[in-house]
Amino acid sequence: MATLYTDLIVADCETGNHESDLHVRDTPRAREIIKAHKPAGTDGWCVQQFTSAIDGTPWLDIAFAYDPWWAARGVKVAP
């Protein structure tokens, strides 16, 4: 199984980030992928909706889920 980040990229979801937090445009497909990647033994990801200051569209902030930030620090990202 791929990571949440890679599955969002493969699904062509619009993404961004702030440090280690993953941002994804809030769409039904993005929410479906997030739900499918619920970490084992948890209630799910820490997800908060916000409004883009650039274009006013809704986005989701997913805490600590931006793989490239972790990879740049030598942390292995597990699915």
Protein backbone atom coordinates (compact mmCIF):
# COMPACT_ATOMS: atom_id res chain seq x y z
CA MET A 1 0.00 0.00 0.00
CA ALA A 2 1.25 3.49 -0.83
CA THR A 3 1.26 6.43 1.55
CA LEU A 4 -1.55 8.95 1.80
CA TYR A 5 0.62 11.52 0.01
CA THR A 6 1.52 9.24 -2.90
CA ASP A 7 -2.07 8.09 -3.39
CA LEU A 8 -3.25 11.72 -3.53
CA ILE A 9 -0.56 12.48 -6.12
CA VAL A 10 -1.45 9.42 -8.23
CA ALA A 11 -5.12 10.46 -8.09
CA ASP A 12 -4.07 13.88 -9.45
CA CYS A 13 -5.36 15.72 -6.39
CA GLU A 14 -4.03 19.26 -6.05
CA THR A 15 -1.60 19.33 -3.13
CA GLY A 16 0.68 21.68 -1.27
CA ASN A 17 2.23 21.84 2.15
CA HIS A 18 3.32 23.88 5.12
CA GLU A 19 6.38 22.26 6.63
CA SER A 20 5.36 18.65 7.43
CA ASP A 21 1.62 19.28 7.04
CA LEU A 22 0.08 18.13 3.78
CA HIS A 23 -2.47 20.38 2.10
CA VAL A 24 -4.95 19.03 -0.45
CA ARG A 25 -7.84 20.73 -2.19
CA ASP A 26 -11.04 19.54 -0.49
CA THR A 27 -12.79 17.27 -2.99
CA PRO A 28 -14.86 14.10 -2.61
CA ARG A 29 -11.97 12.07 -4.12
CA ALA A 30 -9.43 13.53 -1.69
CA ARG A 31 -11.70 12.77 1.27
CA GLU A 32 -12.20 9.22 0.01
CA ILE A 33 -8.42 8.65 -0.15
CA ILE A 34 -7.87 10.18 3.29
CA LYS A 35 -10.55 7.91 4.76
CA ALA A 36 -8.97 4.85 3.10
CA HIS A 37 -5.63 5.67 4.75
CA LYS A 38 -6.89 5.90 8.32
CA PRO A 39 -3.90 5.01 10.51
CA ALA A 40 -4.39 1.71 12.36
CA GLY A 41 -5.51 2.01 15.96
CA THR A 42 -6.60 5.65 15.62
CA ASP A 43 -9.73 7.67 15.01
CA GLY A 44 -8.14 8.87 11.77
CA TRP A 45 -5.88 11.65 10.55
CA CYS A 46 -5.79 15.05 12.20
CA VAL A 47 -7.55 16.94 9.39
CA GLN A 48 -8.72 20.55 9.44
CA GLN A 49 -10.45 22.42 6.67
CA PHE A 50 -9.27 25.90 5.74
CA THR A 51 -10.01 28.44 3.02
CA SER A 52 -7.24 29.26 0.55
CA ALA A 53 -6.11 32.88 0.84
CA ILE A 54 -5.17 32.68 -2.86
CA ASP A 55 -8.45 31.69 -4.47
CA GLY A 56 -11.00 31.22 -1.66
CA THR A 57 -11.46 27.48 -2.24
CA PRO A 58 -11.68 24.91 0.58
CA TRP A 59 -8.57 22.88 1.35
CA LEU A 60 -7.66 20.26 3.95
CA ASP A 61 -4.64 20.40 6.25
CA ILE A 62 -3.43 16.93 7.25
CA ALA A 63 -0.94 17.09 10.10
CA PHE A 64 2.48 15.47 9.54
CA ALA A 65 1.51 13.77 6.24
CA TYR A 66 3.79 15.54 3.72
CA ASP A 67 6.28 12.77 2.81
CA PRO A 68 8.96 14.94 1.12
CA TRP A 69 9.47 16.95 4.33
CA TRP A 70 10.19 13.75 6.26
CA ALA A 71 12.35 12.24 3.50
CA ALA A 72 14.53 15.38 3.44
CA ARG A 73 15.28 14.71 7.10
CA GLY A 74 16.17 11.06 6.60
CA VAL A 75 12.96 9.70 8.12
CA LYS A 76 11.59 6.59 6.43
CA VAL A 77 7.97 7.11 5.44
CA ALA A 78 5.86 4.01 5.98
CA PRO A 79 2.47 3.42 4.37
